[in-house]
Structure formats: C-alpha cells, structure tokens
Amino acid sequence: MDELDLRILDVLRRDCRTSLSKVSEEVRLSRFSVKDRVERLFEDHVILGSTIVVNPLSIGLLRTVFFEFKTNPHEPWLAKLLEKNLSCDLLDGVAGEYSLFSRFRLRDDEQFSQVLKKIDDAMGKSFFKKYRVVNAIRIFKESGVAFKAEKSEGLKLDDVDLRILEILLHQMEYVKAPLPLSTVELSRMLHDFGIEISQPAVFNRLSRLEKKGMILRHTVRVDFSKIGLQTKFIVRVKANPNVYDAVAQDFLAAMPEISDLYRTGDEYGLLAILRVRDVSEYNAFLLRLYDSRDVIDTYTTLVLEERKNTPLSLLKD
C-alpha cells in the first residue's frame, strides 16, 4: 500500500461507479496503472467488493437498536446465535462491563418483540443473564456518509425495488469483482430471481431510488486493518442537552474518523463508531472533540474483535 493506493481507494469509496479514466485523472496516474492497482487491491483483499449505502428509514427499517451483552468465553453459542440473525448487521467483541456489542435493524414493534423474545430466551440460559438495550432516536451518519434521517416520502417500494436494493447491498457475495454491477448485469441477475425486466427499466428504477434518497452512495467495502485503521472504538458523548443535534450534525458528523453516529436516549446521548490507526491517534481525536465547549464528557469502549459487519439485509428472518 502506498499513497496512490490510498487515493484510489478514497475515490472508489466515494463512488465506486467512477470510471477508471476519471479515477486516473483524479490521482494523476495512467488508466492502465489504475486498473492494475485496483485489481491488485482486490486480489490482496483490501477491496472486498462493491456495495451501497442506503437510508435505513427510507426502506421501512423504522428502528435501529443496540444490544449489549455480558457474557464469557465459555458461551460461544450466544455470539453464534446473534451472527445468524439477519436483523443483526453488526456484532463486536468489546472490552468492559459488557463483552458483546450488536446493532439490529427492525421494521416495526412486532419484529422488535420477536427479537427481544429470542434474546430473553437465550439470556435465560447464560451465566450472567445480563444485557441492555439502547434505542437510536436519530441517525446522523452511517458507513461514512452523513445524511438527514427524515423518512423519504412519495415513493413506495415494490418487490422489484427491494430485490434491486438487496442485490446491490450484497453484490460482493454474488460477483467476485472489485467494481459494481452494471445495469445489464443487474437485469440479468433479476432474471435469475424470476423477475423479467429490461436494462432501461432497471436504469430508471435505480435512478429513482437515488433521486429519492433511498441509495446514498455506491461504494466499496474495505478491510480497514489493511489500510492501517486497525483500532476501532465505540464512543458515547455527553453534550449540553439543548445542542445535541447541532453537535452531532455540525461537528461530529464531519470528523473523518467517525463512520457511524446516532442520537440515543442514554445519559451519554450520542453514540459514535470510529476507526483510527492507534491509541495515540485516538487521543488526538479526543483532544479535537473537547475543542467544542458543548461536549461535556465521553465514555469509550475498545472493540477487541469484529465478529460480524455486513450490509443490512432486506430479507426477513
């Protein structure tokens, strides 16, 4: 990895549909050299594949909930249970009072009740029988994309729309290639799922999903440890109560270290997920954080192991 590799990754993470010619112009390298580097980054598993970032509220996922579990190494079945749940799209082993941190995407109160029942049954068999639930009240940033979290209006998703989003979210599982599916390839895949639709119709639906704010970004998934961002933290931030939204939207969301940012109902009303190179870089981040007079306190949890980190699934459990 060198500076040119990092610049190419930056372009592709912003929009992986960017043509190789445009990437070459931006990084000032020949098109053939860019192509070779992209292929090498994919072969070395730095680029894991393409995906999209969606506005979770716009596709009917009305609730994002974090569960924290107190467990021990003699209970691997609990982590495996969470890994298998399609509603759980993030699962980390963490240091501290709780040893598992998870994020669930839920469509309604009924699904929340179903998930809660499964967790209650599982925790009844655990040694500590201890967990906590943290509700996300508002989402300010996800997968490196800051956005307004209002629900999109005026566009009802049908089964074809949902299948298009599902394929694009998980396209790295279908196609072993560093760059995203073309609309021709997407039309062909929809045919494999029994949906007869032309390439122009796919293009029109995709454009509509983007214009309505359903799709926020076409991007590549990256193995962050291979680009030096080996340390991951979950940080709770306490701010002056009357400026939580301003601190989140105008200050924290702009910090490149923060990939995901939520308003919660906890005493520490903001929850951020971030990646840095090492502890010294995290210390520098904290110093910048406290430059804001509205930040009162922070509480940090170190991520020891990433057990699951996948795009959210639109399929039901």
C-alpha atoms as a PDB file:
ATOM      1  CA  MET A   1       0.000   0.000   0.000  1.00  0.00           C
ATOM      2  CA  ASP A   2       1.283   3.441  -0.932  1.00  0.00           C
ATOM      3  CA  GLU A   3      -0.170   6.937  -1.211  1.00  0.00           C
ATOM      4  CA  LEU A   4      -1.534   6.278  -4.714  1.00  0.00           C
ATOM      5  CA  ASP A   5      -3.377   3.164  -3.497  1.00  0.00           C
ATOM      6  CA  LEU A   6      -4.973   5.188  -0.696  1.00  0.00           C
ATOM      7  CA  ARG A   7      -6.040   7.935  -3.100  1.00  0.00           C
ATOM      8  CA  ILE A   8      -7.608   5.373  -5.449  1.00  0.00           C
ATOM      9  CA  LEU A   9      -9.464   3.802  -2.508  1.00  0.00           C
ATOM     10  CA  ASP A  10     -10.716   7.219  -1.446  1.00  0.00           C
ATOM     11  CA  VAL A  11     -12.213   7.824  -4.899  1.00  0.00           C
ATOM     12  CA  LEU A  12     -13.856   4.396  -5.024  1.00  0.00           C
ATOM     13  CA  ARG A  13     -15.244   4.705  -1.516  1.00  0.00           C
ATOM     14  CA  ARG A  14     -16.881   7.992  -2.504  1.00  0.00           C
ATOM     15  CA  ASP A  15     -18.344   6.470  -5.677  1.00  0.00           C
ATOM     16  CA  CYS A  16     -17.229   3.075  -6.943  1.00  0.00           C
ATOM     17  CA  ARG A  17     -19.015   3.716 -10.239  1.00  0.00           C
ATOM     18  CA  THR A  18     -16.367   6.280 -11.138  1.00  0.00           C
ATOM     19  CA  SER A  19     -14.791   5.215 -14.427  1.00  0.00           C
ATOM     20  CA  LEU A  20     -11.150   4.171 -14.466  1.00  0.00           C
ATOM     21  CA  SER A  21     -10.462   7.107 -16.787  1.00  0.00           C
ATOM     22  CA  LYS A  22     -11.859   9.583 -14.247  1.00  0.00           C
ATOM     23  CA  VAL A  23     -10.010   7.874 -11.403  1.00  0.00           C
ATOM     24  CA  SER A  24      -6.782   8.153 -13.388  1.00  0.00           C
ATOM     25  CA  GLU A  25      -7.402  11.884 -13.905  1.00  0.00           C
ATOM     26  CA  GLU A  26      -8.044  12.448 -10.218  1.00  0.00           C
ATOM     27  CA  VAL A  27      -5.000  10.539  -8.962  1.00  0.00           C
ATOM     28  CA  ARG A  28      -2.823  11.576 -11.928  1.00  0.00           C
ATOM     29  CA  LEU A  29      -1.917   8.070 -12.999  1.00  0.00           C
ATOM     30  CA  SER A  30      -2.452   6.247 -16.278  1.00  0.00           C
ATOM     31  CA  ARG A  31      -5.689   4.322 -16.750  1.00  0.00           C
ATOM     32  CA  PHE A  32      -3.806   1.034 -17.127  1.00  0.00           C
ATOM     33  CA  SER A  33      -1.876   1.634 -13.892  1.00  0.00           C
ATOM     34  CA  VAL A  34      -5.123   2.412 -12.065  1.00  0.00           C
ATOM     35  CA  LYS A  35      -6.693  -0.780 -13.430  1.00  0.00           C
ATOM     36  CA  ASP A  36      -3.698  -2.857 -12.298  1.00  0.00           C
ATOM     37  CA  ARG A  37      -3.744  -1.300  -8.843  1.00  0.00           C
ATOM     38  CA  VAL A  38      -7.493  -1.823  -8.378  1.00  0.00           C
ATOM     39  CA  GLU A  39      -7.177  -5.470  -9.404  1.00  0.00           C
ATOM     40  CA  ARG A  40      -4.223  -5.950  -7.037  1.00  0.00           C
ATOM     41  CA  LEU A  41      -6.116  -4.331  -4.152  1.00  0.00           C
ATOM     42  CA  PHE A  42      -8.978  -6.742  -4.801  1.00  0.00           C
ATOM     43  CA  GLU A  43      -6.696  -9.785  -5.078  1.00  0.00           C
ATOM     44  CA  ASP A  44      -4.992  -8.783  -1.815  1.00  0.00           C
ATOM     45  CA  HIS A  45      -8.434  -8.489  -0.152  1.00  0.00           C
ATOM     46  CA  VAL A  46      -8.007  -4.812   0.615  1.00  0.00           C
ATOM     47  CA  ILE A  47     -11.090  -4.146  -1.518  1.00  0.00           C
ATOM     48  CA  LEU A  48     -13.631  -6.784  -0.543  1.00  0.00           C
ATOM     49  CA  GLY A  49     -16.222  -5.848  -3.151  1.00  0.00           C
ATOM     50  CA  SER A  50     -18.873  -3.285  -4.009  1.00  0.00           C
ATOM     51  CA  THR A  51     -21.989  -2.345  -2.066  1.00  0.00           C
ATOM     52  CA  ILE A  52     -24.335   0.575  -1.499  1.00  0.00           C
ATOM     53  CA  VAL A  53     -25.224   2.751   1.480  1.00  0.00           C
ATOM     54  CA  VAL A  54     -28.965   3.131   1.957  1.00  0.00           C
ATOM     55  CA  ASN A  55     -31.065   5.404   4.114  1.00  0.00           C
ATOM     56  CA  PRO A  56     -32.461   2.812   6.560  1.00  0.00           C
ATOM     57  CA  LEU A  57     -35.541   4.869   7.374  1.00  0.00           C
ATOM     58  CA  SER A  58     -36.447   5.243   3.721  1.00  0.00           C
ATOM     59  CA  ILE A  59     -36.757   1.488   3.175  1.00  0.00           C
ATOM     60  CA  GLY A  60     -39.039   0.815   6.125  1.00  0.00           C
ATOM     61  CA  LEU A  61     -36.443  -0.062   8.786  1.00  0.00           C
ATOM     62  CA  LEU A  62     -38.005   2.188  11.379  1.00  0.00           C
ATOM     63  CA  ARG A  63     -35.870   1.203  14.340  1.00  0.00           C
ATOM     64  CA  THR A  64     -32.152   0.802  14.929  1.00  0.00           C
ATOM     65  CA  VAL A  65     -31.422  -0.831  18.272  1.00  0.00           C
ATOM     66  CA  PHE A  66     -28.162  -1.668  20.011  1.00  0.00           C
ATOM     67  CA  PHE A  67     -27.929  -4.652  22.357  1.00  0.00           C
ATOM     68  CA  GLU A  68     -25.021  -5.091  24.770  1.00  0.00           C
ATOM     69  CA  PHE A  69     -24.445  -8.452  26.430  1.00  0.00           C
ATOM     70  CA  LYS A  70     -22.408  -9.540  29.417  1.00  0.00           C
ATOM     71  CA  THR A  71     -21.049 -12.999  28.647  1.00  0.00           C
ATOM     72  CA  ASN A  72     -17.845 -15.025  28.843  1.00  0.00           C
ATOM     73  CA  PRO A  73     -15.658 -17.139  26.518  1.00  0.00           C
ATOM     74  CA  HIS A  74     -17.428 -20.313  27.663  1.00  0.00           C
ATOM     75  CA  GLU A  75     -20.644 -19.175  25.942  1.00  0.00           C
ATOM     76  CA  PRO A  76     -19.742 -19.033  22.224  1.00  0.00           C
ATOM     77  CA  TRP A  77     -23.273 -20.106  21.340  1.00  0.00           C
ATOM     78  CA  LEU A  78     -24.616 -16.635  22.194  1.00  0.00           C
ATOM     79  CA  ALA A  79     -22.407 -14.866  19.645  1.00  0.00           C
ATOM     80  CA  LYS A  80     -23.230 -17.519  17.046  1.00  0.00           C
ATOM     81  CA  LEU A  81     -26.941 -17.031  17.691  1.00  0.00           C
ATOM     82  CA  LEU A  82     -26.572 -13.295  17.037  1.00  0.00           C
ATOM     83  CA  GLU A  83     -24.447 -13.850  13.939  1.00  0.00           C
ATOM     84  CA  LYS A  84     -27.182 -15.962  12.354  1.00  0.00           C
ATOM     85  CA  ASN A  85     -29.901 -13.361  12.907  1.00  0.00           C
ATOM     86  CA  LEU A  86     -30.451 -11.399   9.670  1.00  0.00           C
ATOM     87  CA  SER A  87     -31.647  -8.365  11.628  1.00  0.00           C
ATOM     88  CA  CYS A  88     -28.238  -8.144  13.307  1.00  0.00           C
ATOM     89  CA  ASP A  89     -25.804  -6.483  10.910  1.00  0.00           C
ATOM     90  CA  LEU A  90     -23.004  -5.600  13.355  1.00  0.00           C
ATOM     91  CA  LEU A  91     -21.511  -7.664  16.166  1.00  0.00           C
ATOM     92  CA  ASP A  92     -18.313  -6.788  18.029  1.00  0.00           C
ATOM     93  CA  GLY A  93     -16.475  -8.318  20.935  1.00  0.00           C
ATOM     94  CA  VAL A  94     -15.629  -5.429  23.270  1.00  0.00           C
ATOM     95  CA  ALA A  95     -13.727  -4.676  26.465  1.00  0.00           C
ATOM     96  CA  GLY A  96     -15.550  -3.539  29.575  1.00  0.00           C
ATOM     97  CA  GLU A  97     -18.614  -4.456  31.588  1.00  0.00           C
ATOM     98  CA  TYR A  98     -20.336  -5.875  28.506  1.00  0.00           C
ATOM     99  CA  SER A  99     -18.430  -8.161  26.153  1.00  0.00           C
ATOM    100  CA  LEU A 100     -20.684  -8.149  23.055  1.00  0.00           C
ATOM    101  CA  PHE A 101     -21.992  -5.086  21.231  1.00  0.00           C
ATOM    102  CA  SER A 102     -24.566  -5.554  18.454  1.00  0.00           C
ATOM    103  CA  ARG A 103     -26.747  -3.490  16.133  1.00  0.00           C
ATOM    104  CA  PHE A 104     -30.193  -4.650  14.976  1.00  0.00           C
ATOM    105  CA  ARG A 105     -32.347  -3.230  12.144  1.00  0.00           C
ATOM    106  CA  LEU A 106     -36.054  -3.666  12.831  1.00  0.00           C
ATOM    107  CA  ARG A 107     -39.110  -2.880  10.722  1.00  0.00           C
ATOM    108  CA  ASP A 108     -41.740  -2.481  13.432  1.00  0.00           C
ATOM    109  CA  ASP A 109     -42.665  -3.134  17.056  1.00  0.00           C
ATOM    110  CA  GLU A 110     -43.732  -6.682  16.218  1.00  0.00           C
ATOM    111  CA  GLN A 111     -40.290  -7.580  14.897  1.00  0.00           C
ATOM    112  CA  PHE A 112     -38.692  -5.896  17.907  1.00  0.00           C
ATOM    113  CA  SER A 113     -40.846  -8.028  20.200  1.00  0.00           C
ATOM    114  CA  GLN A 114     -39.839 -11.176  18.310  1.00  0.00           C
ATOM    115  CA  VAL A 115     -36.133 -10.337  18.577  1.00  0.00           C
ATOM    116  CA  LEU A 116     -36.489  -9.416  22.239  1.00  0.00           C
ATOM    117  CA  LYS A 117     -38.223 -12.742  22.961  1.00  0.00           C
ATOM    118  CA  LYS A 118     -35.361 -14.673  21.309  1.00  0.00           C
ATOM    119  CA  ILE A 119     -32.799 -12.707  23.293  1.00  0.00           C
ATOM    120  CA  ASP A 120     -34.684 -13.179  26.563  1.00  0.00           C
ATOM    121  CA  ASP A 121     -34.841 -16.939  25.943  1.00  0.00           C
ATOM    122  CA  ALA A 122     -31.110 -17.021  25.159  1.00  0.00           C
ATOM    123  CA  MET A 123     -30.103 -14.906  28.142  1.00  0.00           C
ATOM    124  CA  GLY A 124     -32.124 -17.182  30.401  1.00  0.00           C
ATOM    125  CA  LYS A 125     -29.528 -19.861  29.603  1.00  0.00           C
ATOM    126  CA  SER A 126     -26.493 -17.604  30.013  1.00  0.00           C
ATOM    127  CA  PHE A 127     -24.322 -17.355  33.109  1.00  0.00           C
ATOM    128  CA  PHE A 128     -24.663 -13.617  33.828  1.00  0.00           C
ATOM    129  CA  LYS A 129     -28.204 -13.146  32.457  1.00  0.00           C
ATOM    130  CA  LYS A 130     -27.382  -9.503  31.844  1.00  0.00           C
ATOM    131  CA  TYR A 131     -27.917  -7.293  28.811  1.00  0.00           C
ATOM    132  CA  ARG A 132     -29.049  -3.764  27.984  1.00  0.00           C
ATOM    133  CA  VAL A 133     -30.951  -2.174  25.096  1.00  0.00           C
ATOM    134  CA  VAL A 134     -30.072   1.210  23.604  1.00  0.00           C
ATOM    135  CA  ASN A 135     -32.514   2.746  21.128  1.00  0.00           C
ATOM    136  CA  ALA A 136     -31.266   5.011  18.358  1.00  0.00           C
ATOM    137  CA  ILE A 137     -33.558   8.044  18.222  1.00  0.00           C
ATOM    138  CA  ARG A 138     -31.906   9.564  15.169  1.00  0.00           C
ATOM    139  CA  ILE A 139     -29.200   8.531  12.699  1.00  0.00           C
ATOM    140  CA  PHE A 140     -26.714  11.207  11.626  1.00  0.00           C
ATOM    141  CA  LYS A 141     -24.091   9.162   9.795  1.00  0.00           C
ATOM    142  CA  GLU A 142     -23.580   5.595   8.588  1.00  0.00           C
ATOM    143  CA  SER A 143     -20.796   3.895   6.633  1.00  0.00           C
ATOM    144  CA  GLY A 144     -19.004   7.222   6.393  1.00  0.00           C
ATOM    145  CA  VAL A 145     -21.998   9.047   4.880  1.00  0.00           C
ATOM    146  CA  ALA A 146     -23.640  11.897   6.780  1.00  0.00           C
ATOM    147  CA  PHE A 147     -27.283  12.382   5.906  1.00  0.00           C
ATOM    148  CA  LYS A 148     -30.577  13.761   7.089  1.00  0.00           C
ATOM    149  CA  ALA A 149     -32.523  10.941   8.641  1.00  0.00           C
ATOM    150  CA  GLU A 150     -36.023  12.013   7.726  1.00  0.00           C
ATOM    151  CA  LYS A 151     -38.084   9.296   6.105  1.00  0.00           C
ATOM    152  CA  SER A 152     -38.396   9.712   2.353  1.00  0.00           C
ATOM    153  CA  GLU A 153     -41.931  10.377   1.176  1.00  0.00           C
ATOM    154  CA  GLY A 154     -43.718   9.790  -2.088  1.00  0.00           C
ATOM    155  CA  LEU A 155     -42.033   6.551  -3.156  1.00  0.00           C
ATOM    156  CA  LYS A 156     -43.481   3.170  -2.319  1.00  0.00           C
ATOM    157  CA  LEU A 157     -41.074   0.283  -2.769  1.00  0.00           C
ATOM    158  CA  ASP A 158     -42.357  -2.813  -4.534  1.00  0.00           C
ATOM    159  CA  ASP A 159     -40.805  -6.280  -4.630  1.00  0.00           C
ATOM    160  CA  VAL A 160     -38.624  -5.379  -7.641  1.00  0.00           C
ATOM    161  CA  ASP A 161     -37.214  -2.293  -5.872  1.00  0.00           C
ATOM    162  CA  LEU A 162     -36.444  -4.330  -2.769  1.00  0.00           C
ATOM    163  CA  ARG A 163     -34.737  -7.050  -4.809  1.00  0.00           C
ATOM    164  CA  ILE A 164     -32.608  -4.443  -6.631  1.00  0.00           C
ATOM    165  CA  LEU A 165     -31.524  -2.949  -3.305  1.00  0.00           C
ATOM    166  CA  GLU A 166     -30.859  -6.407  -1.857  1.00  0.00           C
ATOM    167  CA  ILE A 167     -28.654  -7.411  -4.791  1.00  0.00           C
ATOM    168  CA  LEU A 168     -26.695  -4.151  -4.699  1.00  0.00           C
ATOM    169  CA  LEU A 169     -26.193  -4.342  -0.946  1.00  0.00           C
ATOM    170  CA  HIS A 170     -24.823  -7.873  -1.177  1.00  0.00           C
ATOM    171  CA  GLN A 171     -23.369  -7.834  -4.688  1.00  0.00           C
ATOM    172  CA  MET A 172     -19.925  -8.833  -3.428  1.00  0.00           C
ATOM    173  CA  GLU A 173     -21.477 -12.165  -2.460  1.00  0.00           C
ATOM    174  CA  TYR A 174     -22.770 -12.703  -5.998  1.00  0.00           C
ATOM    175  CA  VAL A 175     -19.944 -11.351  -8.168  1.00  0.00           C
ATOM    176  CA  LYS A 176     -16.234 -11.697  -7.419  1.00  0.00           C
ATOM    177  CA  ALA A 177     -15.116  -8.374  -8.869  1.00  0.00           C
ATOM    178  CA  PRO A 178     -13.803  -5.097  -7.432  1.00  0.00           C
ATOM    179  CA  LEU A 179     -16.192  -2.831  -9.347  1.00  0.00           C
ATOM    180  CA  PRO A 180     -20.008  -2.635  -9.140  1.00  0.00           C
ATOM    181  CA  LEU A 181     -22.594  -4.431 -11.233  1.00  0.00           C
ATOM    182  CA  SER A 182     -23.657  -2.737 -14.442  1.00  0.00           C
ATOM    183  CA  THR A 183     -27.368  -2.295 -15.117  1.00  0.00           C
ATOM    184  CA  VAL A 184     -27.052  -5.010 -17.775  1.00  0.00           C
ATOM    185  CA  GLU A 185     -25.614  -7.422 -15.201  1.00  0.00           C
ATOM    186  CA  LEU A 186     -28.229  -6.343 -12.657  1.00  0.00           C
ATOM    187  CA  SER A 187     -31.012  -7.024 -15.174  1.00  0.00           C
ATOM    188  CA  ARG A 188     -29.555 -10.486 -15.806  1.00  0.00           C
ATOM    189  CA  MET A 189     -29.412 -11.229 -12.060  1.00  0.00           C
ATOM    190  CA  LEU A 190     -33.007 -10.118 -11.599  1.00  0.00           C
ATOM    191  CA  HIS A 191     -33.921 -12.578 -14.350  1.00  0.00           C
ATOM    192  CA  ASP A 192     -32.208 -15.324 -12.307  1.00  0.00           C
ATOM    193  CA  PHE A 193     -34.514 -14.380  -9.419  1.00  0.00           C
ATOM    194  CA  GLY A 194     -37.536 -14.749 -11.704  1.00  0.00           C
ATOM    195  CA  ILE A 195     -38.020 -11.037 -12.395  1.00  0.00           C
ATOM    196  CA  GLU A 196     -38.290 -10.189 -16.079  1.00  0.00           C
ATOM    197  CA  ILE A 197     -37.148  -6.593 -16.515  1.00  0.00           C
ATOM    198  CA  SER A 198     -35.206  -4.782 -19.237  1.00  0.00           C
ATOM    199  CA  GLN A 199     -31.928  -2.939 -18.748  1.00  0.00           C
ATOM    200  CA  PRO A 200     -33.551   0.504 -19.389  1.00  0.00           C
ATOM    201  CA  ALA A 201     -36.236  -0.282 -16.797  1.00  0.00           C
ATOM    202  CA  VAL A 202     -33.536  -1.242 -14.270  1.00  0.00           C
ATOM    203  CA  PHE A 203     -31.692   2.003 -15.022  1.00  0.00           C
ATOM    204  CA  ASN A 204     -34.870   4.048 -14.469  1.00  0.00           C
ATOM    205  CA  ARG A 205     -35.670   2.321 -11.175  1.00  0.00           C
ATOM    206  CA  LEU A 206     -32.094   2.778  -9.965  1.00  0.00           C
ATOM    207  CA  SER A 207     -32.142   6.476 -10.849  1.00  0.00           C
ATOM    208  CA  ARG A 208     -35.423   6.908  -8.995  1.00  0.00           C
ATOM    209  CA  LEU A 209     -34.059   5.179  -5.874  1.00  0.00           C
ATOM    210  CA  GLU A 210     -31.072   7.515  -5.911  1.00  0.00           C
ATOM    211  CA  LYS A 211     -33.069  10.708  -6.527  1.00  0.00           C
ATOM    212  CA  LYS A 212     -35.490   9.870  -3.716  1.00  0.00           C
ATOM    213  CA  GLY A 213     -32.644   9.390  -1.243  1.00  0.00           C
ATOM    214  CA  MET A 214     -33.023   5.633  -0.875  1.00  0.00           C
ATOM    215  CA  ILE A 215     -29.472   4.989  -2.091  1.00  0.00           C
ATOM    216  CA  LEU A 216     -26.985   7.382  -0.514  1.00  0.00           C
ATOM    217  CA  ARG A 217     -23.762   6.076  -2.042  1.00  0.00           C
ATOM    218  CA  HIS A 218     -22.268   3.389  -4.264  1.00  0.00           C
ATOM    219  CA  THR A 219     -19.081   2.359  -2.521  1.00  0.00           C
ATOM    220  CA  VAL A 220     -16.539  -0.399  -1.934  1.00  0.00           C
ATOM    221  CA  ARG A 221     -16.137  -2.400   1.241  1.00  0.00           C
ATOM    222  CA  VAL A 222     -12.592  -2.272   2.561  1.00  0.00           C
ATOM    223  CA  ASP A 223     -10.589  -4.320   5.040  1.00  0.00           C
ATOM    224  CA  PHE A 224      -9.661  -1.384   7.264  1.00  0.00           C
ATOM    225  CA  SER A 225      -6.880  -3.278   9.004  1.00  0.00           C
ATOM    226  CA  LYS A 226      -5.017  -3.429   5.687  1.00  0.00           C
ATOM    227  CA  ILE A 227      -5.055   0.333   5.251  1.00  0.00           C
ATOM    228  CA  GLY A 228      -3.738   0.994   8.748  1.00  0.00           C
ATOM    229  CA  LEU A 229      -7.033   1.632  10.577  1.00  0.00           C
ATOM    230  CA  GLN A 230      -6.602  -1.271  12.943  1.00  0.00           C
ATOM    231  CA  THR A 231      -8.191   0.202  16.072  1.00  0.00           C
ATOM    232  CA  LYS A 232     -11.950   0.542  16.451  1.00  0.00           C
ATOM    233  CA  PHE A 233     -13.793   2.285  19.274  1.00  0.00           C
ATOM    234  CA  ILE A 234     -17.382   2.835  20.337  1.00  0.00           C
ATOM    235  CA  VAL A 235     -17.604   6.272  21.915  1.00  0.00           C
ATOM    236  CA  ARG A 236     -20.506   7.719  23.871  1.00  0.00           C
ATOM    237  CA  VAL A 237     -20.608  11.508  24.024  1.00  0.00           C
ATOM    238  CA  LYS A 238     -22.422  13.636  26.583  1.00  0.00           C
ATOM    239  CA  ALA A 239     -23.238  17.140  25.340  1.00  0.00           C
ATOM    240  CA  ASN A 240     -25.290  20.088  26.540  1.00  0.00           C
ATOM    241  CA  PRO A 241     -28.887  18.823  26.195  1.00  0.00           C
ATOM    242  CA  ASN A 242     -30.145  21.719  24.094  1.00  0.00           C
ATOM    243  CA  VAL A 243     -27.485  21.316  21.373  1.00  0.00           C
ATOM    244  CA  TYR A 244     -27.247  17.556  20.824  1.00  0.00           C
ATOM    245  CA  ASP A 245     -28.405  17.750  17.206  1.00  0.00           C
ATOM    246  CA  ALA A 246     -26.084  20.647  16.408  1.00  0.00           C
ATOM    247  CA  VAL A 247     -23.072  18.926  17.977  1.00  0.00           C
ATOM    248  CA  ALA A 248     -23.839  15.750  16.030  1.00  0.00           C
ATOM    249  CA  GLN A 249     -24.726  17.244  12.664  1.00  0.00           C
ATOM    250  CA  ASP A 250     -22.376  20.234  12.501  1.00  0.00           C
ATOM    251  CA  PHE A 251     -19.353  18.919  14.408  1.00  0.00           C
ATOM    252  CA  LEU A 252     -19.093  15.159  14.914  1.00  0.00           C
ATOM    253  CA  ALA A 253     -20.521  14.026  11.563  1.00  0.00           C
ATOM    254  CA  ALA A 254     -17.763  15.943   9.761  1.00  0.00           C
ATOM    255  CA  MET A 255     -14.988  14.066  11.575  1.00  0.00           C
ATOM    256  CA  PRO A 256     -13.477  11.518   9.160  1.00  0.00           C
ATOM    257  CA  GLU A 257     -12.648   9.070  11.967  1.00  0.00           C
ATOM    258  CA  ILE A 258     -16.360   8.625  12.750  1.00  0.00           C
ATOM    259  CA  SER A 259     -18.116   6.214  10.405  1.00  0.00           C
ATOM    260  CA  ASP A 260     -21.451   5.920  12.249  1.00  0.00           C
ATOM    261  CA  LEU A 261     -23.209   8.379  14.545  1.00  0.00           C
ATOM    262  CA  TYR A 262     -26.504   8.086  16.464  1.00  0.00           C
ATOM    263  CA  ARG A 263     -28.620  10.041  18.936  1.00  0.00           C
ATOM    264  CA  THR A 264     -29.747   7.773  21.768  1.00  0.00           C
ATOM    265  CA  GLY A 265     -31.882   8.074  24.870  1.00  0.00           C
ATOM    266  CA  ASP A 266     -28.975   7.408  27.208  1.00  0.00           C
ATOM    267  CA  GLU A 267     -27.291   9.842  29.586  1.00  0.00           C
ATOM    268  CA  TYR A 268     -24.492   9.933  27.013  1.00  0.00           C
ATOM    269  CA  GLY A 269     -26.838  10.938  24.230  1.00  0.00           C
ATOM    270  CA  LEU A 270     -24.581  10.377  21.213  1.00  0.00           C
ATOM    271  CA  LEU A 271     -23.070   7.059  20.166  1.00  0.00           C
ATOM    272  CA  ALA A 272     -20.250   7.074  17.611  1.00  0.00           C
ATOM    273  CA  ILE A 273     -18.337   4.237  15.943  1.00  0.00           C
ATOM    274  CA  LEU A 274     -14.882   5.219  14.750  1.00  0.00           C
ATOM    275  CA  ARG A 275     -11.600   3.832  13.447  1.00  0.00           C
ATOM    276  CA  VAL A 276      -8.076   5.116  13.971  1.00  0.00           C
ATOM    277  CA  ARG A 277      -4.558   3.832  13.441  1.00  0.00           C
ATOM    278  CA  ASP A 278      -3.629   3.531  17.104  1.00  0.00           C
ATOM    279  CA  VAL A 279      -4.284   4.856  20.612  1.00  0.00           C
ATOM    280  CA  SER A 280      -2.211   7.995  20.064  1.00  0.00           C
ATOM    281  CA  GLU A 281      -4.382   8.908  17.077  1.00  0.00           C
ATOM    282  CA  TYR A 282      -7.449   8.314  19.225  1.00  0.00           C
ATOM    283  CA  ASN A 283      -6.019  10.636  21.873  1.00  0.00           C
ATOM    284  CA  ALA A 284      -5.613  13.328  19.219  1.00  0.00           C
ATOM    285  CA  PHE A 285      -9.244  12.726  18.199  1.00  0.00           C
ATOM    286  CA  LEU A 286     -10.402  13.244  21.804  1.00  0.00           C
ATOM    287  CA  LEU A 287      -8.462  16.491  22.082  1.00  0.00           C
ATOM    288  CA  ARG A 288     -10.232  17.784  18.968  1.00  0.00           C
ATOM    289  CA  LEU A 289     -13.537  16.552  20.367  1.00  0.00           C
ATOM    290  CA  TYR A 290     -13.123  18.611  23.510  1.00  0.00           C
ATOM    291  CA  ASP A 291     -12.410  21.710  21.451  1.00  0.00           C
ATOM    292  CA  SER A 292     -16.182  22.027  21.466  1.00  0.00           C
ATOM    293  CA  ARG A 293     -17.415  23.658  24.650  1.00  0.00           C
ATOM    294  CA  ASP A 294     -20.690  21.795  24.205  1.00  0.00           C
ATOM    295  CA  VAL A 295     -19.013  18.392  24.722  1.00  0.00           C
ATOM    296  CA  ILE A 296     -19.159  17.618  28.446  1.00  0.00           C
ATOM    297  CA  ASP A 297     -17.864  14.060  28.762  1.00  0.00           C
ATOM    298  CA  THR A 298     -17.101  10.854  26.832  1.00  0.00           C
ATOM    299  CA  TYR A 299     -17.178   7.146  27.569  1.00  0.00           C
ATOM    300  CA  THR A 300     -15.031   4.867  25.408  1.00  0.00           C
ATOM    301  CA  THR A 301     -15.290   1.149  24.641  1.00  0.00           C
ATOM    302  CA  LEU A 302     -12.489  -0.646  22.787  1.00  0.00           C
ATOM    303  CA  VAL A 303     -13.503  -3.172  20.130  1.00  0.00           C
ATOM    304  CA  LEU A 304     -11.427  -6.334  20.519  1.00  0.00           C
ATOM    305  CA  GLU A 305     -12.939  -8.377  17.687  1.00  0.00           C
ATOM    306  CA  GLU A 306     -15.284  -7.739  14.771  1.00  0.00           C
ATOM    307  CA  ARG A 307     -17.434 -10.848  14.541  1.00  0.00           C
ATOM    308  CA  LYS A 308     -19.991  -9.564  12.037  1.00  0.00           C
ATOM    309  CA  ASN A 309     -20.054  -6.433   9.901  1.00  0.00           C
ATOM    310  CA  THR A 310     -22.303  -6.848   6.884  1.00  0.00           C
ATOM    311  CA  PRO A 311     -24.676  -4.641   4.901  1.00  0.00           C
ATOM    312  CA  LEU A 312     -28.156  -4.709   6.357  1.00  0.00           C
ATOM    313  CA  SER A 313     -30.461  -7.326   4.886  1.00  0.00           C
ATOM    314  CA  LEU A 314     -33.897  -6.594   3.485  1.00  0.00           C
ATOM    315  CA  LEU A 315     -34.847 -10.247   3.857  1.00  0.00           C
ATOM    316  CA  LYS A 316     -36.922 -11.408   6.793  1.00  0.00           C
ATOM    317  CA  ASP A 317     -35.590 -13.860   9.359  1.00  0.00           C
END
